[in-house]
Amino acid sequence: MIDLELSTEQNEILASVADFLAQEAPLERLNPKPTPKPNQDQATLVKLGELGYLGLGLAEEHGGVGLSAIEETLVFREFGRFLLTPAVLGSVIGARIAAEAGKEEVAQAILSGATRVGLAIGVHPKTLAPPFTGAFQLVEAVGADLILFWSEQGAGLISASAFTSREGLESIDSTITLEAARLDGVTPDLWVAAAAGDVNLRATLLSSALLVGMSEAARDLAVEYVKVREQFGQPIGAFQSVKHRCSDMAVRAGAAWSQALYAALEMAELGKGSVFQIVAAKIMATEAGLKNGHACIQNHGGIGFTGEHHPHLFLKRSHVFDQLGGGLKRQQLLMLKQPAPQH
């Protein structure tokens, strides 16, 4: 039997990061004033680095805290609830890549915020392993020094200056930056192949945790709203169709979290089924994020997609994280290639 109950120490970590984010990164920061201002979370990332949260899963000899993938997954779930910038994933995974490559000074510069890491999505890359040629989209890369890219082939850091033809795009999520760019025969400054490490799997696992947090926050936001919004003299949460929608949101978020936590356990214990479980976690978390984001908007009615309210933000951010590390369709194809886990 697998114990999914959190320890006292894990609960304390969760409580501390949740309290910190409630103070430093409330959802209200994403409201247009009068227009959104992207990249406002960088100062928060620096503080998270100072408090040790960004190096939580990094070995102590590399300047980290030395905890497992489980604690990292728990913390990233909280990051997702507060829609923290995707650059947090670039910082954590980027520091791990640098540490594994023996570049301790680079890892520490990333954790301290001195070196910023954006993320890349392969749009039409000719290969998912170096050298890279083709079109990419850059997320939260304005002002970044390095860019993180990962796929089932591995994970690496590419100098931001290596990307050419950079052009700003209008992002589906106006609270983060998006650019079009190209690479032409570029080998990353640092690259950890899938055969030599599990950095790419950890990136997929943590992106899954972020999506789970988004799906849970969307669920909670929807449930709280239907308790107070009245129609025909009673809260709309009393209507059967709304109850069913909220129940579906709860089931999706719960299942996605159970799968993500199980995948984290597999990774922490070096289980042979890590790849299968992590890919499954990304698939379930993506579907939970997208569907719960949609349902949250529907429960809010006409105000659900307005700038001063938050429901639309969860759906938009879920679409971004769907594409990072390979979209839902690619994850499903990757799942078909994995042997079923044996127990």
C-alpha atoms as a PDB file:
ATOM      1  CA  MET A   1       0.000   0.000   0.000  1.00  0.00           C
ATOM      2  CA  ILE A   2       1.255   3.471  -0.919  1.00  0.00           C
ATOM      3  CA  ASP A   3       1.075   6.181   1.734  1.00  0.00           C
ATOM      4  CA  LEU A   4       0.019   9.484   0.150  1.00  0.00           C
ATOM      5  CA  GLU A   5      -0.361  11.275   3.481  1.00  0.00           C
ATOM      6  CA  LEU A   6       1.948  14.244   3.951  1.00  0.00           C
ATOM      7  CA  SER A   7       4.439  14.340   6.801  1.00  0.00           C
ATOM      8  CA  THR A   8       4.527  17.099   9.415  1.00  0.00           C
ATOM      9  CA  GLU A   9       7.587  18.611   7.737  1.00  0.00           C
ATOM     10  CA  GLN A  10       5.912  18.571   4.322  1.00  0.00           C
ATOM     11  CA  ASN A  11       2.791  20.248   5.701  1.00  0.00           C
ATOM     12  CA  GLU A  12       4.969  22.928   7.299  1.00  0.00           C
ATOM     13  CA  ILE A  13       6.717  23.587   3.971  1.00  0.00           C
ATOM     14  CA  LEU A  14       3.343  23.877   2.240  1.00  0.00           C
ATOM     15  CA  ALA A  15       1.949  26.250   4.849  1.00  0.00           C
ATOM     16  CA  SER A  16       5.012  28.493   4.722  1.00  0.00           C
ATOM     17  CA  VAL A  17       5.092  28.806   0.926  1.00  0.00           C
ATOM     18  CA  ALA A  18       1.312  29.358   0.765  1.00  0.00           C
ATOM     19  CA  ASP A  19       1.557  32.154   3.364  1.00  0.00           C
ATOM     20  CA  PHE A  20       4.451  33.725   1.484  1.00  0.00           C
ATOM     21  CA  LEU A  21       2.637  33.676  -1.865  1.00  0.00           C
ATOM     22  CA  ALA A  22      -0.579  35.020  -0.350  1.00  0.00           C
ATOM     23  CA  GLN A  23       1.409  38.055   0.774  1.00  0.00           C
ATOM     24  CA  GLU A  24       3.758  38.460  -2.184  1.00  0.00           C
ATOM     25  CA  ALA A  25       1.775  37.153  -5.176  1.00  0.00           C
ATOM     26  CA  PRO A  26      -2.006  37.539  -4.736  1.00  0.00           C
ATOM     27  CA  LEU A  27      -4.025  37.025  -7.903  1.00  0.00           C
ATOM     28  CA  GLU A  28      -4.974  40.703  -7.825  1.00  0.00           C
ATOM     29  CA  ARG A  29      -1.471  41.508  -9.093  1.00  0.00           C
ATOM     30  CA  LEU A  30      -2.566  40.140 -12.489  1.00  0.00           C
ATOM     31  CA  ASN A  31      -5.530  42.489 -12.880  1.00  0.00           C
ATOM     32  CA  PRO A  32      -5.109  45.058 -15.709  1.00  0.00           C
ATOM     33  CA  LYS A  33      -4.096  48.522 -14.442  1.00  0.00           C
ATOM     34  CA  PRO A  34      -5.340  49.555 -17.054  1.00  0.00           C
ATOM     35  CA  THR A  35      -3.320  47.043 -19.057  1.00  0.00           C
ATOM     36  CA  PRO A  36      -1.420  43.976 -17.771  1.00  0.00           C
ATOM     37  CA  LYS A  37       2.252  44.426 -16.934  1.00  0.00           C
ATOM     38  CA  PRO A  38       4.143  41.192 -17.652  1.00  0.00           C
ATOM     39  CA  ASN A  39       7.192  39.987 -15.734  1.00  0.00           C
ATOM     40  CA  GLN A  40       6.114  41.425 -12.388  1.00  0.00           C
ATOM     41  CA  ASP A  41       7.040  38.199 -10.554  1.00  0.00           C
ATOM     42  CA  GLN A  42      10.815  38.476 -10.948  1.00  0.00           C
ATOM     43  CA  ALA A  43      11.255  40.105  -7.542  1.00  0.00           C
ATOM     44  CA  THR A  44       9.191  37.296  -6.025  1.00  0.00           C
ATOM     45  CA  LEU A  45      11.500  34.724  -7.639  1.00  0.00           C
ATOM     46  CA  VAL A  46      14.505  36.405  -6.042  1.00  0.00           C
ATOM     47  CA  LYS A  47      12.837  36.195  -2.623  1.00  0.00           C
ATOM     48  CA  LEU A  48      11.902  32.547  -3.211  1.00  0.00           C
ATOM     49  CA  GLY A  49      15.552  31.862  -4.024  1.00  0.00           C
ATOM     50  CA  GLU A  50      16.700  33.585  -0.846  1.00  0.00           C
ATOM     51  CA  LEU A  51      14.274  31.474   1.197  1.00  0.00           C
ATOM     52  CA  GLY A  52      15.550  28.254  -0.401  1.00  0.00           C
ATOM     53  CA  TYR A  53      12.368  27.263  -2.240  1.00  0.00           C
ATOM     54  CA  LEU A  54      13.977  27.301  -5.696  1.00  0.00           C
ATOM     55  CA  GLY A  55      16.746  24.956  -4.547  1.00  0.00           C
ATOM     56  CA  LEU A  56      14.452  22.708  -2.539  1.00  0.00           C
ATOM     57  CA  GLY A  57      15.151  19.566  -4.580  1.00  0.00           C
ATOM     58  CA  LEU A  58      18.773  20.357  -5.426  1.00  0.00           C
ATOM     59  CA  ALA A  59      21.455  18.395  -3.583  1.00  0.00           C
ATOM     60  CA  GLU A  60      23.157  20.164  -0.689  1.00  0.00           C
ATOM     61  CA  GLU A  61      26.569  19.855  -2.332  1.00  0.00           C
ATOM     62  CA  HIS A  62      25.188  21.976  -5.170  1.00  0.00           C
ATOM     63  CA  GLY A  63      23.869  24.650  -2.820  1.00  0.00           C
ATOM     64  CA  GLY A  64      20.331  23.284  -2.525  1.00  0.00           C
ATOM     65  CA  VAL A  65      18.233  22.047   0.386  1.00  0.00           C
ATOM     66  CA  GLY A  66      18.522  18.371  -0.567  1.00  0.00           C
ATOM     67  CA  LEU A  67      14.860  17.338  -0.405  1.00  0.00           C
ATOM     68  CA  SER A  68      13.165  15.013  -2.880  1.00  0.00           C
ATOM     69  CA  ALA A  69      10.982  15.363  -5.959  1.00  0.00           C
ATOM     70  CA  ILE A  70       7.986  14.971  -3.646  1.00  0.00           C
ATOM     71  CA  GLU A  71       8.649  18.232  -1.792  1.00  0.00           C
ATOM     72  CA  GLU A  72       9.353  20.021  -5.083  1.00  0.00           C
ATOM     73  CA  THR A  73       6.054  18.754  -6.480  1.00  0.00           C
ATOM     74  CA  LEU A  74       4.170  19.965  -3.403  1.00  0.00           C
ATOM     75  CA  VAL A  75       5.667  23.438  -3.664  1.00  0.00           C
ATOM     76  CA  PHE A  76       5.046  23.722  -7.421  1.00  0.00           C
ATOM     77  CA  ARG A  77       1.421  22.828  -6.843  1.00  0.00           C
ATOM     78  CA  GLU A  78       1.229  25.954  -4.652  1.00  0.00           C
ATOM     79  CA  PHE A  79       3.025  27.996  -7.319  1.00  0.00           C
ATOM     80  CA  GLY A  80       0.295  26.934  -9.749  1.00  0.00           C
ATOM     81  CA  ARG A  81      -2.469  28.019  -7.397  1.00  0.00           C
ATOM     82  CA  PHE A  82      -1.071  31.562  -7.438  1.00  0.00           C
ATOM     83  CA  LEU A  83      -0.259  31.569 -11.170  1.00  0.00           C
ATOM     84  CA  LEU A  84       3.382  32.331 -10.489  1.00  0.00           C
ATOM     85  CA  THR A  85       5.365  33.167 -13.617  1.00  0.00           C
ATOM     86  CA  PRO A  86       6.444  30.153 -15.735  1.00  0.00           C
ATOM     87  CA  ALA A  87       9.976  31.480 -15.266  1.00  0.00           C
ATOM     88  CA  VAL A  88       9.980  29.752 -11.866  1.00  0.00           C
ATOM     89  CA  LEU A  89      10.191  26.456 -13.732  1.00  0.00           C
ATOM     90  CA  GLY A  90      13.040  27.816 -15.839  1.00  0.00           C
ATOM     91  CA  SER A  91      14.936  28.824 -12.692  1.00  0.00           C
ATOM     92  CA  VAL A  92      14.520  25.530 -10.844  1.00  0.00           C
ATOM     93  CA  ILE A  93      15.259  23.251 -13.798  1.00  0.00           C
ATOM     94  CA  GLY A  94      17.936  25.569 -15.142  1.00  0.00           C
ATOM     95  CA  ALA A  95      19.816  25.460 -11.828  1.00  0.00           C
ATOM     96  CA  ARG A  96      19.596  21.650 -11.826  1.00  0.00           C
ATOM     97  CA  ILE A  97      21.004  21.431 -15.361  1.00  0.00           C
ATOM     98  CA  ALA A  98      23.875  23.738 -14.459  1.00  0.00           C
ATOM     99  CA  ALA A  99      24.631  21.789 -11.270  1.00  0.00           C
ATOM    100  CA  GLU A 100      24.660  18.446 -13.086  1.00  0.00           C
ATOM    101  CA  ALA A 101      27.016  19.929 -15.671  1.00  0.00           C
ATOM    102  CA  GLY A 102      29.396  20.999 -12.898  1.00  0.00           C
ATOM    103  CA  LYS A 103      28.692  24.704 -13.409  1.00  0.00           C
ATOM    104  CA  GLU A 104      28.121  25.557  -9.759  1.00  0.00           C
ATOM    105  CA  GLU A 105      28.543  29.294 -10.284  1.00  0.00           C
ATOM    106  CA  VAL A 106      25.845  29.285 -12.976  1.00  0.00           C
ATOM    107  CA  ALA A 107      23.487  27.291 -10.749  1.00  0.00           C
ATOM    108  CA  GLN A 108      23.940  29.735  -7.876  1.00  0.00           C
ATOM    109  CA  ALA A 109      23.489  32.748 -10.146  1.00  0.00           C
ATOM    110  CA  ILE A 110      20.177  31.289 -11.336  1.00  0.00           C
ATOM    111  CA  LEU A 111      18.966  30.521  -7.818  1.00  0.00           C
ATOM    112  CA  SER A 112      19.856  34.022  -6.636  1.00  0.00           C
ATOM    113  CA  GLY A 113      18.046  35.676  -9.541  1.00  0.00           C
ATOM    114  CA  ALA A 114      21.230  37.209 -10.952  1.00  0.00           C
ATOM    115  CA  THR A 115      20.811  35.022 -14.056  1.00  0.00           C
ATOM    116  CA  ARG A 116      17.294  34.847 -15.456  1.00  0.00           C
ATOM    117  CA  VAL A 117      15.935  31.831 -17.325  1.00  0.00           C
ATOM    118  CA  GLY A 118      13.075  31.933 -19.832  1.00  0.00           C
ATOM    119  CA  LEU A 119      11.462  28.976 -21.569  1.00  0.00           C
ATOM    120  CA  ALA A 120      11.193  27.784 -25.167  1.00  0.00           C
ATOM    121  CA  ILE A 121       8.453  25.900 -26.972  1.00  0.00           C
ATOM    122  CA  GLY A 122       9.415  24.083 -30.144  1.00  0.00           C
ATOM    123  CA  VAL A 123       6.985  25.110 -32.886  1.00  0.00           C
ATOM    124  CA  HIS A 124       8.573  23.458 -35.904  1.00  0.00           C
ATOM    125  CA  PRO A 125      11.959  22.145 -34.731  1.00  0.00           C
ATOM    126  CA  LYS A 126      13.617  19.689 -37.054  1.00  0.00           C
ATOM    127  CA  THR A 127      14.758  17.640 -34.081  1.00  0.00           C
ATOM    128  CA  LEU A 128      14.003  17.426 -30.355  1.00  0.00           C
ATOM    129  CA  ALA A 129      17.708  16.927 -29.575  1.00  0.00           C
ATOM    130  CA  PRO A 130      20.733  19.138 -30.347  1.00  0.00           C
ATOM    131  CA  PRO A 131      21.711  20.785 -32.585  1.00  0.00           C
ATOM    132  CA  PHE A 132      18.473  22.731 -32.910  1.00  0.00           C
ATOM    133  CA  THR A 133      17.156  24.283 -36.086  1.00  0.00           C
ATOM    134  CA  GLY A 134      13.683  25.674 -36.584  1.00  0.00           C
ATOM    135  CA  ALA A 135      11.006  27.934 -35.155  1.00  0.00           C
ATOM    136  CA  PHE A 136      10.451  28.409 -31.435  1.00  0.00           C
ATOM    137  CA  GLN A 137       8.254  30.468 -29.171  1.00  0.00           C
ATOM    138  CA  LEU A 138       9.869  32.038 -26.107  1.00  0.00           C
ATOM    139  CA  VAL A 139       7.925  32.400 -22.862  1.00  0.00           C
ATOM    140  CA  GLU A 140       8.978  34.969 -20.241  1.00  0.00           C
ATOM    141  CA  ALA A 141      12.266  35.422 -22.098  1.00  0.00           C
ATOM    142  CA  VAL A 142      12.342  39.236 -22.244  1.00  0.00           C
ATOM    143  CA  GLY A 143      15.428  40.174 -20.245  1.00  0.00           C
ATOM    144  CA  ALA A 144      16.408  36.521 -19.730  1.00  0.00           C
ATOM    145  CA  ASP A 145      20.019  35.408 -20.041  1.00  0.00           C
ATOM    146  CA  LEU A 146      19.342  31.724 -20.704  1.00  0.00           C
ATOM    147  CA  ILE A 147      16.442  29.789 -22.214  1.00  0.00           C
ATOM    148  CA  LEU A 148      15.279  26.374 -21.029  1.00  0.00           C
ATOM    149  CA  PHE A 149      14.090  23.811 -23.560  1.00  0.00           C
ATOM    150  CA  TRP A 150      13.162  20.240 -22.804  1.00  0.00           C
ATOM    151  CA  SER A 151      11.623  17.293 -24.602  1.00  0.00           C
ATOM    152  CA  GLU A 152      11.603  13.524 -24.216  1.00  0.00           C
ATOM    153  CA  GLN A 153      15.161  13.640 -25.633  1.00  0.00           C
ATOM    154  CA  GLY A 154      16.627  15.708 -22.801  1.00  0.00           C
ATOM    155  CA  ALA A 155      16.819  19.198 -21.313  1.00  0.00           C
ATOM    156  CA  GLY A 156      19.197  22.084 -21.826  1.00  0.00           C
ATOM    157  CA  LEU A 157      20.014  25.750 -21.423  1.00  0.00           C
ATOM    158  CA  ILE A 158      20.510  27.871 -24.534  1.00  0.00           C
ATOM    159  CA  SER A 159      21.993  31.357 -24.521  1.00  0.00           C
ATOM    160  CA  ALA A 160      19.246  33.899 -25.175  1.00  0.00           C
ATOM    161  CA  SER A 161      21.510  35.579 -27.721  1.00  0.00           C
ATOM    162  CA  ALA A 162      21.520  32.406 -29.849  1.00  0.00           C
ATOM    163  CA  PHE A 163      17.874  32.967 -30.794  1.00  0.00           C
ATOM    164  CA  THR A 164      17.476  35.068 -33.929  1.00  0.00           C
ATOM    165  CA  SER A 165      14.558  36.841 -35.612  1.00  0.00           C
ATOM    166  CA  ARG A 166      12.977  37.530 -32.236  1.00  0.00           C
ATOM    167  CA  GLU A 167       9.607  39.224 -32.491  1.00  0.00           C
ATOM    168  CA  GLY A 168       7.086  39.977 -29.783  1.00  0.00           C
ATOM    169  CA  LEU A 169       3.753  38.178 -30.064  1.00  0.00           C
ATOM    170  CA  GLU A 170       0.395  38.748 -28.433  1.00  0.00           C
ATOM    171  CA  SER A 171       0.152  35.999 -25.843  1.00  0.00           C
ATOM    172  CA  ILE A 172      -3.065  34.155 -25.065  1.00  0.00           C
ATOM    173  CA  ASP A 173      -2.103  34.977 -21.463  1.00  0.00           C
ATOM    174  CA  SER A 174      -1.457  38.715 -21.456  1.00  0.00           C
ATOM    175  CA  THR A 175       0.233  38.516 -18.035  1.00  0.00           C
ATOM    176  CA  ILE A 176       3.299  36.768 -19.516  1.00  0.00           C
ATOM    177  CA  THR A 177       5.508  37.617 -22.488  1.00  0.00           C
ATOM    178  CA  LEU A 178       5.645  35.629 -25.713  1.00  0.00           C
ATOM    179  CA  GLU A 179       8.057  35.915 -28.648  1.00  0.00           C
ATOM    180  CA  ALA A 180       8.675  34.171 -31.940  1.00  0.00           C
ATOM    181  CA  ALA A 181      12.301  33.214 -32.619  1.00  0.00           C
ATOM    182  CA  ARG A 182      14.549  30.861 -34.579  1.00  0.00           C
ATOM    183  CA  LEU A 183      17.558  28.662 -34.002  1.00  0.00           C
ATOM    184  CA  ASP A 184      19.858  27.584 -36.796  1.00  0.00           C
ATOM    185  CA  GLY A 185      22.131  24.671 -35.931  1.00  0.00           C
ATOM    186  CA  VAL A 186      22.529  25.704 -32.295  1.00  0.00           C
ATOM    187  CA  THR A 187      23.862  23.374 -29.623  1.00  0.00           C
ATOM    188  CA  PRO A 188      22.791  24.343 -26.064  1.00  0.00           C
ATOM    189  CA  ASP A 189      25.392  25.730 -23.708  1.00  0.00           C
ATOM    190  CA  LEU A 190      24.434  22.928 -21.321  1.00  0.00           C
ATOM    191  CA  TRP A 191      22.495  19.783 -22.238  1.00  0.00           C
ATOM    192  CA  VAL A 192      21.511  16.717 -20.191  1.00  0.00           C
ATOM    193  CA  ALA A 193      20.343  13.916 -22.472  1.00  0.00           C
ATOM    194  CA  ALA A 194      17.469  11.749 -21.284  1.00  0.00           C
ATOM    195  CA  ALA A 195      19.775   8.739 -21.319  1.00  0.00           C
ATOM    196  CA  ALA A 196      22.165  10.491 -18.916  1.00  0.00           C
ATOM    197  CA  GLY A 197      19.707  11.945 -16.405  1.00  0.00           C
ATOM    198  CA  ASP A 198      16.101  12.650 -15.514  1.00  0.00           C
ATOM    199  CA  VAL A 199      16.085  16.452 -15.719  1.00  0.00           C
ATOM    200  CA  ASN A 200      13.583  16.481 -18.581  1.00  0.00           C
ATOM    201  CA  LEU A 201      11.271  14.186 -16.614  1.00  0.00           C
ATOM    202  CA  ARG A 202      11.512  16.448 -13.575  1.00  0.00           C
ATOM    203  CA  ALA A 203      10.584  19.434 -15.741  1.00  0.00           C
ATOM    204  CA  THR A 204       7.511  17.575 -16.982  1.00  0.00           C
ATOM    205  CA  LEU A 205       6.605  16.495 -13.442  1.00  0.00           C
ATOM    206  CA  LEU A 206       6.858  20.032 -12.047  1.00  0.00           C
ATOM    207  CA  SER A 207       4.868  21.476 -14.946  1.00  0.00           C
ATOM    208  CA  SER A 208       2.214  18.874 -14.092  1.00  0.00           C
ATOM    209  CA  ALA A 209       2.195  20.052 -10.484  1.00  0.00           C
ATOM    210  CA  LEU A 210       1.731  23.643 -11.635  1.00  0.00           C
ATOM    211  CA  LEU A 211      -1.246  22.575 -13.753  1.00  0.00           C
ATOM    212  CA  VAL A 212      -2.739  20.672 -10.825  1.00  0.00           C
ATOM    213  CA  GLY A 213      -2.494  23.793  -8.675  1.00  0.00           C
ATOM    214  CA  MET A 214      -4.247  25.799 -11.385  1.00  0.00           C
ATOM    215  CA  SER A 215      -7.043  23.230 -11.671  1.00  0.00           C
ATOM    216  CA  GLU A 216      -7.548  23.248  -7.898  1.00  0.00           C
ATOM    217  CA  ALA A 217      -7.569  27.032  -7.656  1.00  0.00           C
ATOM    218  CA  ALA A 218     -10.077  27.231 -10.533  1.00  0.00           C
ATOM    219  CA  ARG A 219     -12.252  24.681  -8.723  1.00  0.00           C
ATOM    220  CA  ASP A 220     -12.115  26.612  -5.453  1.00  0.00           C
ATOM    221  CA  LEU A 221     -12.821  29.933  -7.149  1.00  0.00           C
ATOM    222  CA  ALA A 222     -15.846  28.481  -8.932  1.00  0.00           C
ATOM    223  CA  VAL A 223     -17.246  26.849  -5.786  1.00  0.00           C
ATOM    224  CA  GLU A 224     -16.928  30.030  -3.731  1.00  0.00           C
ATOM    225  CA  TYR A 225     -18.673  32.059  -6.419  1.00  0.00           C
ATOM    226  CA  VAL A 226     -21.681  29.751  -6.818  1.00  0.00           C
ATOM    227  CA  LYS A 227     -22.256  29.975  -3.063  1.00  0.00           C
ATOM    228  CA  VAL A 228     -22.888  33.722  -3.209  1.00  0.00           C
ATOM    229  CA  ARG A 229     -24.209  34.396  -6.746  1.00  0.00           C
ATOM    230  CA  GLU A 230     -27.974  34.300  -6.574  1.00  0.00           C
ATOM    231  CA  GLN A 231     -30.560  33.710  -9.262  1.00  0.00           C
ATOM    232  CA  PHE A 232     -34.293  33.213  -8.827  1.00  0.00           C
ATOM    233  CA  GLY A 233     -33.893  33.930  -5.137  1.00  0.00           C
ATOM    234  CA  GLN A 234     -31.274  31.270  -4.331  1.00  0.00           C
ATOM    235  CA  PRO A 235     -27.527  30.633  -4.794  1.00  0.00           C
ATOM    236  CA  ILE A 236     -26.810  29.191  -8.237  1.00  0.00           C
ATOM    237  CA  GLY A 237     -24.885  26.411  -6.499  1.00  0.00           C
ATOM    238  CA  ALA A 238     -28.267  24.945  -5.572  1.00  0.00           C
ATOM    239  CA  PHE A 239     -29.009  24.158  -9.216  1.00  0.00           C
ATOM    240  CA  GLN A 240     -28.276  20.584 -10.239  1.00  0.00           C
ATOM    241  CA  SER A 241     -26.363  21.466 -13.406  1.00  0.00           C
ATOM    242  CA  VAL A 242     -24.006  23.734 -11.448  1.00  0.00           C
ATOM    243  CA  LYS A 243     -23.533  21.091  -8.746  1.00  0.00           C
ATOM    244  CA  HIS A 244     -22.568  18.534 -11.381  1.00  0.00           C
ATOM    245  CA  ARG A 245     -20.089  20.940 -12.957  1.00  0.00           C
ATOM    246  CA  CYS A 246     -18.418  21.602  -9.604  1.00  0.00           C
ATOM    247  CA  SER A 247     -18.325  17.888  -8.818  1.00  0.00           C
ATOM    248  CA  ASP A 248     -16.621  17.176 -12.133  1.00  0.00           C
ATOM    249  CA  MET A 249     -14.041  19.869 -11.362  1.00  0.00           C
ATOM    250  CA  ALA A 250     -13.323  18.305  -7.974  1.00  0.00           C
ATOM    251  CA  VAL A 251     -12.929  14.817  -9.449  1.00  0.00           C
ATOM    252  CA  ARG A 252     -10.598  16.003 -12.219  1.00  0.00           C
ATOM    253  CA  ALA A 253      -8.385  17.986  -9.849  1.00  0.00           C
ATOM    254  CA  GLY A 254      -8.280  15.176  -7.300  1.00  0.00           C
ATOM    255  CA  ALA A 255      -7.367  12.525  -9.859  1.00  0.00           C
ATOM    256  CA  ALA A 256      -4.694  14.730 -11.421  1.00  0.00           C
ATOM    257  CA  TRP A 257      -3.136  15.428  -8.028  1.00  0.00           C
ATOM    258  CA  SER A 258      -3.109  11.768  -7.040  1.00  0.00           C
ATOM    259  CA  GLN A 259      -1.352  10.889 -10.291  1.00  0.00           C
ATOM    260  CA  ALA A 260       1.184  13.719  -9.944  1.00  0.00           C
ATOM    261  CA  LEU A 261       1.975  12.725  -6.368  1.00  0.00           C
ATOM    262  CA  TYR A 262       2.339   9.072  -7.337  1.00  0.00           C
ATOM    263  CA  ALA A 263       4.671  10.091 -10.184  1.00  0.00           C
ATOM    264  CA  ALA A 264       6.739  12.115  -7.706  1.00  0.00           C
ATOM    265  CA  LEU A 265       7.000   9.066  -5.456  1.00  0.00           C
ATOM    266  CA  GLU A 266       8.188   6.972  -8.394  1.00  0.00           C
ATOM    267  CA  MET A 267      10.839   9.558  -9.255  1.00  0.00           C
ATOM    268  CA  ALA A 268      11.971   9.950  -5.640  1.00  0.00           C
ATOM    269  CA  GLU A 269      12.378   6.195  -5.277  1.00  0.00           C
ATOM    270  CA  LEU A 270      13.924   5.777  -8.748  1.00  0.00           C
ATOM    271  CA  GLY A 271      11.059   3.544  -9.832  1.00  0.00           C
ATOM    272  CA  LYS A 272      11.231   1.898 -13.234  1.00  0.00           C
ATOM    273  CA  GLY A 273       7.824   3.288 -14.103  1.00  0.00           C
ATOM    274  CA  SER A 274       8.820   6.928 -13.694  1.00  0.00           C
ATOM    275  CA  VAL A 275       8.494   7.813 -17.372  1.00  0.00           C
ATOM    276  CA  PHE A 276       5.054   6.225 -17.708  1.00  0.00           C
ATOM    277  CA  GLN A 277       3.740   7.803 -14.504  1.00  0.00           C
ATOM    278  CA  ILE A 278       5.132  11.282 -15.236  1.00  0.00           C
ATOM    279  CA  VAL A 279       3.735  11.336 -18.765  1.00  0.00           C
ATOM    280  CA  ALA A 280       0.397  10.186 -17.343  1.00  0.00           C
ATOM    281  CA  ALA A 281       0.593  12.988 -14.781  1.00  0.00           C
ATOM    282  CA  LYS A 282       1.173  15.612 -17.490  1.00  0.00           C
ATOM    283  CA  ILE A 283      -1.769  14.304 -19.532  1.00  0.00           C
ATOM    284  CA  MET A 284      -4.163  14.265 -16.577  1.00  0.00           C
ATOM    285  CA  ALA A 285      -2.983  17.604 -15.192  1.00  0.00           C
ATOM    286  CA  THR A 286      -3.284  19.305 -18.582  1.00  0.00           C
ATOM    287  CA  GLU A 287      -6.817  18.056 -19.051  1.00  0.00           C
ATOM    288  CA  ALA A 288      -7.729  19.096 -15.494  1.00  0.00           C
ATOM    289  CA  GLY A 289      -6.245  22.563 -15.977  1.00  0.00           C
ATOM    290  CA  LEU A 290      -7.982  23.185 -19.302  1.00  0.00           C
ATOM    291  CA  LYS A 291     -11.366  21.729 -18.370  1.00  0.00           C
ATOM    292  CA  ASN A 292     -11.497  23.268 -14.896  1.00  0.00           C
ATOM    293  CA  GLY A 293     -10.446  26.622 -16.303  1.00  0.00           C
ATOM    294  CA  HIS A 294     -13.291  26.411 -18.823  1.00  0.00           C
ATOM    295  CA  ALA A 295     -15.805  25.317 -16.175  1.00  0.00           C
ATOM    296  CA  CYS A 296     -14.720  28.121 -13.829  1.00  0.00           C
ATOM    297  CA  ILE A 297     -15.486  30.693 -16.527  1.00  0.00           C
ATOM    298  CA  GLN A 298     -18.843  29.034 -17.212  1.00  0.00           C
ATOM    299  CA  ASN A 299     -19.797  29.107 -13.523  1.00  0.00           C
ATOM    300  CA  HIS A 300     -19.016  32.831 -13.375  1.00  0.00           C
ATOM    301  CA  GLY A 301     -21.122  33.618 -16.421  1.00  0.00           C
ATOM    302  CA  GLY A 302     -20.535  36.904 -18.225  1.00  0.00           C
ATOM    303  CA  ILE A 303     -17.931  38.213 -15.778  1.00  0.00           C
ATOM    304  CA  GLY A 304     -15.789  35.078 -16.133  1.00  0.00           C
ATOM    305  CA  PHE A 305     -13.776  36.443 -19.054  1.00  0.00           C
ATOM    306  CA  THR A 306     -13.498  40.079 -17.960  1.00  0.00           C
ATOM    307  CA  GLY A 307     -10.124  41.540 -17.031  1.00  0.00           C
ATOM    308  CA  GLU A 308     -10.957  42.455 -13.446  1.00  0.00           C
ATOM    309  CA  HIS A 309     -11.976  38.880 -12.590  1.00  0.00           C
ATOM    310  CA  HIS A 310      -9.670  35.880 -12.422  1.00  0.00           C
ATOM    311  CA  PRO A 311     -11.405  32.799 -13.941  1.00  0.00           C
ATOM    312  CA  HIS A 312     -10.077  33.362 -17.472  1.00  0.00           C
ATOM    313  CA  LEU A 313      -6.482  33.470 -16.208  1.00  0.00           C
ATOM    314  CA  PHE A 314      -6.464  29.785 -15.238  1.00  0.00           C
ATOM    315  CA  LEU A 315      -7.641  28.613 -18.655  1.00  0.00           C
ATOM    316  CA  LYS A 316      -5.134  30.809 -20.483  1.00  0.00           C
ATOM    317  CA  ARG A 317      -2.183  29.784 -18.323  1.00  0.00           C
ATOM    318  CA  SER A 318      -3.142  26.116 -18.691  1.00  0.00           C
ATOM    319  CA  HIS A 319      -2.930  26.476 -22.479  1.00  0.00           C
ATOM    320  CA  VAL A 320       0.633  27.804 -22.108  1.00  0.00           C
ATOM    321  CA  PHE A 321       1.734  24.924 -19.880  1.00  0.00           C
ATOM    322  CA  ASP A 322       0.098  22.424 -22.187  1.00  0.00           C
ATOM    323  CA  GLN A 323       2.686  23.363 -24.826  1.00  0.00           C
ATOM    324  CA  LEU A 324       5.765  23.460 -22.590  1.00  0.00           C
ATOM    325  CA  GLY A 325       7.700  20.217 -22.911  1.00  0.00           C
ATOM    326  CA  GLY A 326       5.363  18.997 -25.642  1.00  0.00           C
ATOM    327  CA  GLY A 327       1.620  19.450 -26.002  1.00  0.00           C
ATOM    328  CA  LEU A 328      -1.139  17.086 -24.991  1.00  0.00           C
ATOM    329  CA  LYS A 329      -1.146  15.197 -28.290  1.00  0.00           C
ATOM    330  CA  ARG A 330       2.608  14.608 -28.136  1.00  0.00           C
ATOM    331  CA  GLN A 331       2.331  13.388 -24.544  1.00  0.00           C
ATOM    332  CA  GLN A 332      -0.409  10.970 -25.575  1.00  0.00           C
ATOM    333  CA  LEU A 333       1.759   9.611 -28.394  1.00  0.00           C
ATOM    334  CA  LEU A 334       4.669   9.302 -25.975  1.00  0.00           C
ATOM    335  CA  MET A 335       2.438   7.386 -23.572  1.00  0.00           C
ATOM    336  CA  LEU A 336       1.642   4.834 -26.287  1.00  0.00           C
ATOM    337  CA  LYS A 337       5.364   4.122 -26.631  1.00  0.00           C
ATOM    338  CA  GLN A 338       5.841   3.347 -22.927  1.00  0.00           C
ATOM    339  CA  PRO A 339       5.633  -0.190 -21.552  1.00  0.00           C
ATOM    340  CA  ALA A 340       2.860  -0.598 -19.014  1.00  0.00           C
ATOM    341  CA  PRO A 341       4.282  -0.499 -15.448  1.00  0.00           C
ATOM    342  CA  GLN A 342       4.611  -3.830 -13.673  1.00  0.00           C
ATOM    343  CA  HIS A 343       3.589  -4.165 -10.016  1.00  0.00           C
END
